[in-house]
Protein backbone atom coordinates (compact mmCIF):
# COMPACT_ATOMS: atom_id res chain seq x y z
CA MET A 1 -0.06 0.02 0.07
CA PRO A 2 1.40 3.50 -0.88
CA LYS A 3 1.91 6.10 1.67
CA VAL A 4 -0.44 8.98 1.87
CA ALA A 5 0.49 12.59 2.01
CA ILE A 6 -1.81 15.34 3.03
CA HIS A 7 -1.15 19.26 1.86
CA VAL A 8 -3.30 21.87 3.47
CA GLU A 9 -3.18 25.53 2.82
CA PHE A 10 -5.07 27.68 5.55
CA LYS A 11 -5.85 31.34 5.11
CA PRO A 12 -5.60 32.73 8.49
CA LYS A 13 -7.86 35.84 9.22
CA PRO A 14 -6.32 39.01 9.35
CA GLY A 15 -4.86 39.64 12.91
CA GLN A 16 -5.36 35.77 13.61
CA HIS A 17 -1.83 34.32 12.24
CA ALA A 18 -0.24 34.13 15.56
CA ALA A 19 -3.11 32.40 17.45
CA PHE A 20 -3.56 29.87 14.57
CA ASP A 21 0.26 29.17 14.30
CA ALA A 22 0.39 28.20 17.95
CA LEU A 23 -2.82 25.99 17.68
CA ILE A 24 -1.71 24.33 14.57
CA ARG A 25 1.69 23.74 15.68
CA GLU A 26 0.56 22.17 18.96
CA HIS A 27 -1.82 20.02 16.89
CA ALA A 28 1.10 18.79 14.84
CA ARG A 29 3.08 17.93 17.88
CA LEU A 30 0.34 15.93 19.45
CA THR A 31 -0.43 14.18 16.20
CA LEU A 32 3.15 13.09 15.83
CA SER A 33 3.11 11.66 19.57
CA GLU A 34 -0.13 10.25 19.74
CA GLU A 35 -0.49 8.62 16.27
CA PRO A 36 2.06 5.90 15.20
CA GLY A 37 0.90 6.10 11.59
CA CYS A 38 1.69 9.60 11.20
CA GLU A 39 5.39 9.73 10.04
CA ARG A 40 5.73 13.42 9.42
CA PHE A 41 3.63 16.52 10.19
CA ASP A 42 5.28 19.78 9.13
CA VAL A 43 3.97 23.19 9.56
CA LEU A 44 5.33 25.47 6.86
CA GLN A 45 5.32 29.25 6.94
CA PRO A 46 5.35 30.74 3.34
CA MET A 47 7.46 33.70 2.63
CA ASN A 48 7.07 36.83 0.45
CA ALA A 49 9.58 37.41 -2.50
CA ASP A 50 11.46 39.81 -0.14
CA GLY A 51 12.07 37.14 2.38
CA THR A 52 9.42 38.17 4.93
CA ARG A 53 6.69 35.98 6.10
CA ASP A 54 3.59 35.71 4.29
CA GLU A 55 1.11 35.68 7.18
CA SER A 56 -1.77 35.32 4.76
CA ARG A 57 -1.06 31.61 4.50
CA ILE A 58 0.17 28.63 6.66
CA MET A 59 0.61 25.13 4.98
CA LEU A 60 0.70 21.70 6.49
CA VAL A 61 2.61 18.57 4.89
CA GLU A 62 1.46 15.30 6.76
CA VAL A 63 2.73 11.88 5.80
CA TYR A 64 0.84 8.70 6.82
CA THR A 65 1.94 5.09 6.34
CA ASP A 66 -1.20 4.24 4.58
CA GLN A 67 -5.07 4.97 4.16
CA ALA A 68 -5.77 3.40 7.54
CA ALA A 69 -3.43 5.68 9.40
CA VAL A 70 -5.25 8.67 7.60
CA LYS A 71 -8.53 7.15 8.82
CA ALA A 72 -7.35 6.78 12.43
CA HIS A 73 -6.09 10.44 12.24
CA VAL A 74 -9.50 11.71 11.27
CA ALA A 75 -11.12 9.48 13.92
CA ASN A 76 -8.74 10.84 16.67
CA PRO A 77 -11.00 12.29 19.45
CA ARG A 78 -9.04 15.44 19.55
CA MET A 79 -9.84 16.27 16.01
CA PRO A 80 -13.48 17.87 16.46
CA LYS A 81 -11.99 20.26 19.34
CA VAL A 82 -8.99 21.41 16.89
CA ARG A 83 -11.32 22.16 14.12
CA GLU A 84 -13.73 23.96 16.57
CA ALA A 85 -10.66 25.95 17.82
CA TYR A 86 -9.36 26.97 14.54
CA THR A 87 -12.67 27.57 12.41
CA PRO A 88 -13.06 31.31 13.70
CA LEU A 89 -9.34 31.92 13.08
CA ILE A 90 -9.37 31.14 9.20
CA ASP A 91 -11.09 32.38 6.16
CA GLY A 92 -10.75 29.24 4.50
CA ARG A 93 -8.54 26.01 3.62
CA VAL A 94 -7.57 23.73 0.72
CA LEU A 95 -6.72 20.27 1.57
CA THR A 96 -5.32 17.86 -1.11
CA MET A 97 -4.80 14.00 -0.55
CA CYS A 98 -1.74 12.61 -2.54
CA GLU A 99 -0.45 9.17 -3.07
CA LEU A 100 3.27 9.22 -2.19
């Protein structure tokens, strides 16, 4: 079975970048520690052409051993609380599932 990668691009609301960044980094840390099927969970901060932070976006790259590990991640009891906490902080997100 192929590994599964997930790429997510979030658009934090103006003034909410720091709060969202802290929340999503804690989520990444806990996912890596709680879910053996999660091999990687990186939080990426895009940069502008001049090298400054583009605080209008935050991206995630997650790698799971297989589709069953993704299902376990989605079923993690912490997920609804994480979504509830970040929903008021963002204007939207785009999630892409990839075969690795």
